[in-house]
């Protein structure tokens, strides 16, 4: 590969002297591997392209790097200005080795980062679907759109959370164009994350300002998850009812109480950063008020074991009123479960009763 004749016409001893002087006076930034540099195409010979980098000397794209970028190179002419990524500052022949393909990728990732910071909205077709979300393609880079980042009208609402059913719903979006924003850029790992909800954040915050804590709303169940239910308040605005705010009685599975499309009333208990937290149980009579004068410390009561947790066993005395018998009374969790069984009734002694704080502790009789 005859590279020296071209180099000798570009990189003279005088240029080398200028370069050294410029570095010494901080007039020019030293070359660093991985940086992008810009230059003018001098000529192409075989599978080699030469680029005039000015004060930096001559850049070269050759061999595998040339072949990797041949689709781009065929549209480049002598005199064109191009950007290349430095892969070697000075090779054995004295050239700055460049990669055109890596430079293009670096520019694309840089553009993606700018898009993420600006919040620019782009429209992309869905290419594929998997159980976690959807795949798109932008500027030759594969991107991922998590299901959690879909708008409510595109989110796969599946009653039992079955992953195969979720995938079926997601596949319906293949070939459909969605308006997306970039929310994650990681060139090293090749990860580009999109969101369909990103451009709605400000709209949601603005919509939430119309409401106040204490408002009672007529809503529709729009989503059911293990930790609660989502209620649609208005178009593109939802609130969450946490599982602890559904009922005064213990709720293990929200799907037992609610179905998609159910009409319910809920009260706003918190608004934070445009997110609305709701409660259904506060609109029902508090059962602890009814028993405030009924029980006191040292009373013997009958109760049903309804749940085990790390602290001990939860015992229902009446509907919506439960007390805890601590694991320490039995020594360890294994012994506790040997003495008590879920769903069975036992006699207990009340060791603490505070209806205002909804607290009751028990001891096995």
Foldseek 3Di string as FASTA:
>chain_A
DDDVVVQCVWDDPVLVVVLVVCVVVVVDDDDDAFDKAKFFWADDDDLKTWTQRDSLGIEMEGDPLSVVCVVVVVPDDGGDMAMWGFHASQDPSGHGYTHRVVVLVVVVLVVLVVQQVVVDKDKWFFAAFALQATWTDDPNAIATEGLVQEFLVLRQADLVPDSVSRRVSRRVRGRPIAIWGWNDGDVVVSYTYIHSCSVCLVVLLVVLVVDDAFDKAKWFFSHFDQQFTWTDRDHRYIATEGQPQEALAHDRGVSVVDDGGDIAIWGFHDADSSYTYTHRHVVPDQVLVVCVVVDDAFDKAKWFFADADQQGTWTDRDGSAIAGEGQVLQPHHVSRCVVHPHGDMAIWGWHGDDSVVSYTYTDGD
